[in-house]
Amino acid sequence: MRLTVLYDEDCGLCRRFKEWLSTQPLLVPVELVPAASAEARRRFPRLDHRRTLAEVTVVGDDGAVWTQEHAWVMCLWATASHRSLAERLARPRWRPAARAAAYSAAGLRTLTRDPTDPTGAPGEGGYCDPRAGTCDPNPQG
């Protein structure tokens, strides 16, 4: 199995997460690809690439797609040091904690955005805001 993580290249928090993930010892190979890039569109023509800018998206080599807290859990699951945490967070009892972490990350993205950047609208390189309905509560995967 191989995972591809699509991340917002224009988001400082996303870039830091990409850097962190790229330094982790992995149990599953991970490719980090900028969301909505030509490479991402070539590899995954059926994805909603506008949405991949609003939330971290993970794609398995079997075509499975994870978003929101599921994507974060899959990133942790791929690492040697954090797999056991990922397995806990994937359980129904712990899923609210994973969801809260994902929403917190989305909120941090909002707080760290350049206020003069006109692309702050959700889906336009903006952020995932569950209160505004920009996060699908029932992601695939």
N, C-alpha and C. Protein backbone atom coordinates (compact mmCIF):
# COMPACT_ATOMS: atom_id res chain seq x y z
N MET A 1 0.83 -1.18 0.00
CA MET A 1 0.00 0.00 0.00
C MET A 1 0.88 1.24 0.00
N ARG A 2 0.40 2.27 -0.66
CA ARG A 2 1.05 3.57 -0.73
C ARG A 2 -0.04 4.62 -0.55
N LEU A 3 0.29 5.71 0.15
CA LEU A 3 -0.64 6.81 0.35
C LEU A 3 -0.11 8.07 -0.31
N THR A 4 -1.01 8.85 -0.88
CA THR A 4 -0.67 10.16 -1.40
C THR A 4 -1.41 11.18 -0.56
N VAL A 5 -0.67 12.12 0.00
CA VAL A 5 -1.25 13.19 0.81
C VAL A 5 -1.26 14.46 -0.03
N LEU A 6 -2.44 15.00 -0.23
CA LEU A 6 -2.61 16.26 -0.95
C LEU A 6 -2.73 17.36 0.09
N TYR A 7 -1.85 18.34 0.02
CA TYR A 7 -1.82 19.40 1.02
C TYR A 7 -1.80 20.75 0.32
N ASP A 8 -2.27 21.78 1.00
CA ASP A 8 -2.31 23.13 0.46
C ASP A 8 -0.93 23.76 0.57
N GLU A 9 -0.28 23.91 -0.56
CA GLU A 9 1.08 24.44 -0.62
C GLU A 9 1.16 25.91 -0.16
N ASP A 10 0.04 26.61 -0.19
CA ASP A 10 0.02 28.02 0.20
C ASP A 10 -0.30 28.22 1.68
N CYS A 11 -0.47 27.14 2.40
CA CYS A 11 -0.82 27.21 3.82
C CYS A 11 0.42 26.88 4.66
N GLY A 12 0.83 27.81 5.51
CA GLY A 12 2.00 27.59 6.34
C GLY A 12 1.85 26.38 7.25
N LEU A 13 0.70 26.21 7.85
CA LEU A 13 0.45 25.06 8.72
C LEU A 13 0.56 23.75 7.93
N CYS A 14 0.01 23.75 6.72
CA CYS A 14 0.06 22.55 5.88
C CYS A 14 1.50 22.23 5.47
N ARG A 15 2.26 23.26 5.15
CA ARG A 15 3.67 23.04 4.79
C ARG A 15 4.45 22.48 5.98
N ARG A 16 4.18 23.00 7.18
CA ARG A 16 4.86 22.47 8.37
C ARG A 16 4.47 21.03 8.61
N PHE A 17 3.19 20.69 8.41
CA PHE A 17 2.76 19.30 8.57
C PHE A 17 3.45 18.42 7.53
N LYS A 18 3.54 18.89 6.30
CA LYS A 18 4.23 18.15 5.24
C LYS A 18 5.68 17.90 5.63
N GLU A 19 6.35 18.94 6.13
CA GLU A 19 7.75 18.78 6.55
C GLU A 19 7.86 17.76 7.69
N TRP A 20 6.95 17.85 8.67
CA TRP A 20 6.96 16.91 9.78
C TRP A 20 6.77 15.49 9.27
N LEU A 21 5.75 15.29 8.43
CA LEU A 21 5.46 13.95 7.93
C LEU A 21 6.62 13.39 7.11
N SER A 22 7.28 14.25 6.35
CA SER A 22 8.38 13.78 5.50
C SER A 22 9.61 13.36 6.31
N THR A 23 9.68 13.76 7.58
CA THR A 23 10.81 13.36 8.42
C THR A 23 10.52 12.14 9.29
N GLN A 24 9.28 11.65 9.27
CA GLN A 24 8.89 10.53 10.12
C GLN A 24 9.32 9.20 9.52
N PRO A 25 9.77 8.26 10.36
CA PRO A 25 9.96 6.89 9.86
C PRO A 25 8.58 6.33 9.49
N LEU A 26 8.48 5.79 8.29
CA LEU A 26 7.17 5.36 7.78
C LEU A 26 7.07 3.84 7.70
N LEU A 27 5.87 3.35 7.97
CA LEU A 27 5.55 1.94 7.77
C LEU A 27 4.88 1.74 6.42
N VAL A 28 4.34 2.82 5.88
CA VAL A 28 3.68 2.82 4.57
C VAL A 28 4.27 3.99 3.78
N PRO A 29 4.68 3.76 2.54
CA PRO A 29 5.22 4.87 1.75
C PRO A 29 4.17 5.98 1.57
N VAL A 30 4.63 7.21 1.70
CA VAL A 30 3.76 8.38 1.57
C VAL A 30 4.37 9.31 0.54
N GLU A 31 3.55 9.75 -0.40
CA GLU A 31 3.94 10.78 -1.35
C GLU A 31 3.19 12.05 -0.98
N LEU A 32 3.87 13.15 -0.96
CA LEU A 32 3.29 14.44 -0.63
C LEU A 32 3.19 15.26 -1.90
N VAL A 33 1.96 15.60 -2.28
CA VAL A 33 1.71 16.30 -3.55
C VAL A 33 0.88 17.55 -3.26
N PRO A 34 1.28 18.69 -3.79
CA PRO A 34 0.47 19.89 -3.59
C PRO A 34 -0.95 19.71 -4.14
N ALA A 35 -1.93 20.09 -3.33
CA ALA A 35 -3.33 19.98 -3.74
C ALA A 35 -3.59 20.88 -4.94
N ALA A 36 -4.45 20.41 -5.82
CA ALA A 36 -4.89 21.14 -7.01
C ALA A 36 -3.76 21.45 -7.98
N SER A 37 -2.60 20.84 -7.79
CA SER A 37 -1.48 21.04 -8.71
C SER A 37 -1.73 20.25 -10.00
N ALA A 38 -0.95 20.53 -11.00
CA ALA A 38 -1.06 19.78 -12.25
C ALA A 38 -0.83 18.29 -11.99
N GLU A 39 0.12 17.98 -11.12
CA GLU A 39 0.40 16.57 -10.78
C GLU A 39 -0.80 15.92 -10.10
N ALA A 40 -1.41 16.62 -9.15
CA ALA A 40 -2.58 16.07 -8.46
C ALA A 40 -3.74 15.86 -9.44
N ARG A 41 -3.95 16.81 -10.33
CA ARG A 41 -5.04 16.69 -11.32
C ARG A 41 -4.77 15.54 -12.30
N ARG A 42 -3.52 15.36 -12.66
CA ARG A 42 -3.17 14.26 -13.57
C ARG A 42 -3.41 12.91 -12.89
N ARG A 43 -2.97 12.79 -11.64
CA ARG A 43 -3.09 11.52 -10.93
C ARG A 43 -4.52 11.18 -10.52
N PHE A 44 -5.27 12.21 -10.15
CA PHE A 44 -6.61 11.99 -9.59
C PHE A 44 -7.64 12.86 -10.29
N PRO A 45 -7.93 12.58 -11.56
CA PRO A 45 -8.82 13.45 -12.33
C PRO A 45 -10.25 13.51 -11.80
N ARG A 46 -10.66 12.53 -11.03
CA ARG A 46 -12.05 12.51 -10.53
C ARG A 46 -12.24 13.23 -9.20
N LEU A 47 -11.15 13.61 -8.55
CA LEU A 47 -11.26 14.32 -7.27
C LEU A 47 -11.78 15.73 -7.48
N ASP A 48 -12.44 16.27 -6.47
CA ASP A 48 -12.82 17.68 -6.45
C ASP A 48 -11.59 18.44 -5.94
N HIS A 49 -10.80 18.95 -6.85
CA HIS A 49 -9.52 19.57 -6.49
C HIS A 49 -9.71 20.88 -5.74
N ARG A 50 -10.79 21.54 -5.96
CA ARG A 50 -11.09 22.74 -5.19
C ARG A 50 -11.25 22.37 -3.71
N ARG A 51 -11.90 21.26 -3.47
CA ARG A 51 -12.11 20.80 -2.09
C ARG A 51 -10.79 20.37 -1.44
N THR A 52 -9.86 19.81 -2.22
CA THR A 52 -8.59 19.37 -1.64
C THR A 52 -7.78 20.54 -1.12
N LEU A 53 -8.07 21.75 -1.59
CA LEU A 53 -7.41 22.94 -1.05
C LEU A 53 -7.99 23.32 0.30
N ALA A 54 -9.22 22.92 0.57
CA ALA A 54 -9.89 23.28 1.81
C ALA A 54 -9.64 22.30 2.93
N GLU A 55 -9.25 21.07 2.60
CA GLU A 55 -9.01 20.08 3.64
C GLU A 55 -7.99 19.07 3.17
N VAL A 56 -7.17 18.61 4.11
CA VAL A 56 -6.18 17.60 3.78
C VAL A 56 -6.91 16.39 3.21
N THR A 57 -6.37 15.84 2.13
CA THR A 57 -6.97 14.68 1.48
C THR A 57 -5.88 13.63 1.30
N VAL A 58 -6.22 12.39 1.64
CA VAL A 58 -5.30 11.28 1.48
C VAL A 58 -5.94 10.29 0.51
N VAL A 59 -5.14 9.83 -0.45
CA VAL A 59 -5.63 8.88 -1.45
C VAL A 59 -4.75 7.63 -1.38
N GLY A 60 -5.42 6.48 -1.25
CA GLY A 60 -4.70 5.21 -1.26
C GLY A 60 -4.45 4.75 -2.68
N ASP A 61 -3.48 3.88 -2.86
CA ASP A 61 -3.20 3.40 -4.21
C ASP A 61 -4.33 2.52 -4.75
N ASP A 62 -5.27 2.14 -3.88
CA ASP A 62 -6.45 1.38 -4.31
C ASP A 62 -7.61 2.30 -4.68
N GLY A 63 -7.41 3.63 -4.60
CA GLY A 63 -8.44 4.60 -4.94
C GLY A 63 -9.24 5.09 -3.75
N ALA A 64 -9.04 4.53 -2.57
CA ALA A 64 -9.75 5.00 -1.38
C ALA A 64 -9.35 6.45 -1.10
N VAL A 65 -10.32 7.24 -0.64
CA VAL A 65 -10.09 8.66 -0.35
C VAL A 65 -10.52 8.94 1.09
N TRP A 66 -9.63 9.61 1.82
CA TRP A 66 -9.94 10.01 3.19
C TRP A 66 -9.81 11.52 3.29
N THR A 67 -10.75 12.15 4.01
CA THR A 67 -10.72 13.59 4.25
C THR A 67 -10.96 13.83 5.73
N GLN A 68 -10.85 15.07 6.11
CA GLN A 68 -11.07 15.52 7.49
C GLN A 68 -10.28 14.67 8.48
N GLU A 69 -10.91 14.29 9.59
CA GLU A 69 -10.18 13.55 10.63
C GLU A 69 -9.67 12.21 10.12
N HIS A 70 -10.37 11.61 9.16
CA HIS A 70 -9.93 10.33 8.60
C HIS A 70 -8.58 10.48 7.89
N ALA A 71 -8.39 11.62 7.22
CA ALA A 71 -7.12 11.87 6.53
C ALA A 71 -5.98 12.02 7.54
N TRP A 72 -6.24 12.77 8.62
CA TRP A 72 -5.20 12.95 9.64
C TRP A 72 -4.85 11.61 10.27
N VAL A 73 -5.86 10.80 10.55
CA VAL A 73 -5.62 9.48 11.15
C VAL A 73 -4.79 8.62 10.20
N MET A 74 -5.08 8.67 8.91
CA MET A 74 -4.30 7.87 7.95
C MET A 74 -2.85 8.34 7.90
N CYS A 75 -2.62 9.64 8.00
CA CYS A 75 -1.24 10.14 8.02
C CYS A 75 -0.50 9.60 9.24
N LEU A 76 -1.14 9.63 10.39
CA LEU A 76 -0.52 9.08 11.60
C LEU A 76 -0.30 7.58 11.47
N TRP A 77 -1.28 6.89 10.88
CA TRP A 77 -1.22 5.43 10.72
C TRP A 77 -0.01 5.01 9.87
N ALA A 78 0.37 5.86 8.94
CA ALA A 78 1.50 5.54 8.06
C ALA A 78 2.84 5.61 8.78
N THR A 79 2.88 6.29 9.94
CA THR A 79 4.15 6.48 10.64
C THR A 79 4.42 5.36 11.64
N ALA A 80 5.69 5.09 11.85
CA ALA A 80 6.08 4.06 12.83
C ALA A 80 5.79 4.52 14.25
N SER A 81 6.04 5.78 14.55
CA SER A 81 5.90 6.27 15.92
C SER A 81 4.46 6.53 16.35
N HIS A 82 3.57 6.73 15.40
CA HIS A 82 2.22 7.17 15.75
C HIS A 82 1.11 6.22 15.31
N ARG A 83 1.48 5.05 14.83
CA ARG A 83 0.46 4.11 14.36
C ARG A 83 -0.50 3.71 15.48
N SER A 84 0.01 3.44 16.68
CA SER A 84 -0.89 3.02 17.76
C SER A 84 -1.87 4.14 18.11
N LEU A 85 -1.42 5.38 18.07
CA LEU A 85 -2.33 6.51 18.30
C LEU A 85 -3.39 6.56 17.21
N ALA A 86 -2.99 6.36 15.97
CA ALA A 86 -3.94 6.37 14.86
C ALA A 86 -4.98 5.27 15.03
N GLU A 87 -4.56 4.11 15.45
CA GLU A 87 -5.51 3.01 15.63
C GLU A 87 -6.51 3.33 16.74
N ARG A 88 -6.06 4.02 17.78
CA ARG A 88 -7.00 4.44 18.84
C ARG A 88 -7.96 5.49 18.30
N LEU A 89 -7.43 6.49 17.59
CA LEU A 89 -8.26 7.57 17.08
C LEU A 89 -9.27 7.09 16.03
N ALA A 90 -9.00 5.97 15.41
CA ALA A 90 -9.92 5.43 14.40
C ALA A 90 -11.13 4.73 15.03
N ARG A 91 -11.04 4.40 16.29
CA ARG A 91 -12.16 3.74 16.97
C ARG A 91 -13.29 4.73 17.21
N PRO A 92 -14.53 4.25 17.15
CA PRO A 92 -15.67 5.16 17.35
C PRO A 92 -15.59 5.99 18.63
N ARG A 93 -15.10 5.41 19.70
CA ARG A 93 -15.02 6.13 20.97
C ARG A 93 -14.07 7.32 20.88
N TRP A 94 -12.99 7.20 20.12
CA TRP A 94 -11.97 8.23 20.02
C TRP A 94 -12.16 9.14 18.81
N ARG A 95 -13.08 8.79 17.91
CA ARG A 95 -13.26 9.59 16.69
C ARG A 95 -13.58 11.06 16.98
N PRO A 96 -14.37 11.37 18.03
CA PRO A 96 -14.58 12.80 18.32
C PRO A 96 -13.29 13.56 18.62
N ALA A 97 -12.32 12.90 19.25
CA ALA A 97 -11.03 13.56 19.52
C ALA A 97 -10.30 13.81 18.20
N ALA A 98 -10.34 12.85 17.29
CA ALA A 98 -9.70 13.04 15.99
C ALA A 98 -10.39 14.16 15.23
N ARG A 99 -11.71 14.19 15.30
CA ARG A 99 -12.48 15.24 14.62
C ARG A 99 -12.13 16.61 15.20
N ALA A 100 -12.04 16.70 16.52
CA ALA A 100 -11.70 17.97 17.16
C ALA A 100 -10.31 18.44 16.74
N ALA A 101 -9.36 17.52 16.65
CA ALA A 101 -8.02 17.89 16.21
C ALA A 101 -8.04 18.40 14.77
N ALA A 102 -8.79 17.72 13.91
CA ALA A 102 -8.88 18.16 12.51
C ALA A 102 -9.52 19.55 12.41
N TYR A 103 -10.59 19.78 13.17
CA TYR A 103 -11.24 21.08 13.15
C TYR A 103 -10.35 22.16 13.77
N SER A 104 -9.56 21.78 14.78
CA SER A 104 -8.62 22.74 15.37
C SER A 104 -7.58 23.15 14.34
N ALA A 105 -7.07 22.17 13.59
CA ALA A 105 -6.10 22.48 12.54
C ALA A 105 -6.73 23.39 11.50
N ALA A 106 -8.00 23.13 11.16
CA ALA A 106 -8.68 23.99 10.19
C ALA A 106 -8.82 25.40 10.74
N GLY A 107 -9.11 25.51 12.02
CA GLY A 107 -9.23 26.83 12.65
C GLY A 107 -7.89 27.55 12.68
N LEU A 108 -6.81 26.82 12.95
CA LEU A 108 -5.49 27.43 12.93
C LEU A 108 -5.14 27.94 11.54
N ARG A 109 -5.58 27.20 10.53
CA ARG A 109 -5.33 27.67 9.16
C ARG A 109 -5.99 29.03 8.96
N THR A 110 -7.20 29.17 9.49
CA THR A 110 -7.93 30.42 9.35
C THR A 110 -7.18 31.55 10.06
N LEU A 111 -6.70 31.27 11.27
CA LEU A 111 -6.02 32.30 12.05
C LEU A 111 -4.68 32.69 11.46
N THR A 112 -4.03 31.79 10.74
CA THR A 112 -2.71 32.07 10.21
C THR A 112 -2.72 32.57 8.77
N ARG A 113 -3.90 32.69 8.19
CA ARG A 113 -3.99 33.19 6.82
C ARG A 113 -3.62 34.66 6.76
N ASP A 114 -3.12 35.09 5.64
CA ASP A 114 -2.82 36.49 5.40
C ASP A 114 -4.14 37.22 5.24
N PRO A 115 -4.46 38.19 6.11
CA PRO A 115 -5.76 38.86 6.03
C PRO A 115 -5.95 39.66 4.74
N THR A 116 -4.88 39.95 4.02
CA THR A 116 -5.01 40.67 2.75
C THR A 116 -5.19 39.72 1.57
N ASP A 117 -5.16 38.41 1.85
CA ASP A 117 -5.30 37.42 0.78
C ASP A 117 -6.77 37.30 0.40
N PRO A 118 -7.12 37.65 -0.82
CA PRO A 118 -8.52 37.61 -1.23
C PRO A 118 -9.05 36.21 -1.46
N THR A 119 -8.21 35.19 -1.39
CA THR A 119 -8.68 33.82 -1.65
C THR A 119 -9.09 33.10 -0.38
N GLY A 120 -9.44 33.82 0.66
CA GLY A 120 -9.81 33.22 1.93
C GLY A 120 -11.13 32.50 1.93
N ALA A 121 -11.87 32.56 0.84
CA ALA A 121 -13.16 31.87 0.79
C ALA A 121 -12.95 30.37 0.80
N PRO A 122 -13.81 29.62 1.49
CA PRO A 122 -13.68 28.16 1.49
C PRO A 122 -13.67 27.62 0.07
N GLY A 123 -12.77 26.68 -0.17
CA GLY A 123 -12.67 26.06 -1.48
C GLY A 123 -11.83 26.85 -2.47
N GLU A 124 -11.39 28.03 -2.08
CA GLU A 124 -10.55 28.84 -2.95
C GLU A 124 -9.17 28.99 -2.33
N GLY A 125 -8.63 27.91 -1.81
CA GLY A 125 -7.37 27.99 -1.11
C GLY A 125 -7.57 28.46 0.32
N GLY A 126 -8.81 28.40 0.77
CA GLY A 126 -9.16 28.87 2.10
C GLY A 126 -9.02 27.80 3.15
N TYR A 127 -10.04 27.62 3.94
CA TYR A 127 -9.96 26.73 5.07
C TYR A 127 -11.19 25.84 5.14
N CYS A 128 -11.09 24.83 5.96
CA CYS A 128 -12.20 23.93 6.21
C CYS A 128 -12.97 24.47 7.41
N ASP A 129 -14.20 24.92 7.21
CA ASP A 129 -15.01 25.47 8.29
C ASP A 129 -16.30 24.68 8.39
N PRO A 130 -16.37 23.73 9.34
CA PRO A 130 -17.55 22.89 9.44
C PRO A 130 -18.82 23.67 9.75
N ARG A 131 -18.71 24.81 10.44
CA ARG A 131 -19.91 25.60 10.75
C ARG A 131 -20.49 26.22 9.49
N ALA A 132 -19.65 26.50 8.52
CA ALA A 132 -20.11 27.10 7.27
C ALA A 132 -20.47 26.04 6.25
N GLY A 133 -20.31 24.78 6.60
CA GLY A 133 -20.68 23.71 5.70
C GLY A 133 -19.65 23.37 4.64
N THR A 134 -18.41 23.79 4.84
CA THR A 134 -17.40 23.50 3.82
C THR A 134 -16.71 22.18 4.05
N CYS A 135 -17.03 21.49 5.13
CA CYS A 135 -16.47 20.16 5.40
C CYS A 135 -17.59 19.14 5.27
N ASP A 136 -17.39 18.17 4.44
CA ASP A 136 -18.38 17.11 4.28
C ASP A 136 -18.39 16.24 5.53
N PRO A 137 -19.52 16.14 6.24
CA PRO A 137 -19.54 15.34 7.46
C PRO A 137 -19.47 13.85 7.20
N ASN A 138 -19.61 13.44 5.96
CA ASN A 138 -19.56 12.01 5.62
C ASN A 138 -18.56 11.75 4.51
N PRO A 139 -17.27 11.95 4.80
CA PRO A 139 -16.28 11.73 3.75
C PRO A 139 -16.17 10.27 3.36
N GLN A 140 -15.71 10.05 2.14
CA GLN A 140 -15.46 8.68 1.70
C GLN A 140 -14.28 8.13 2.45
N GLY A 141 -14.23 6.79 2.59
CA GLY A 141 -13.05 6.18 3.19
C GLY A 141 -13.21 5.81 4.61
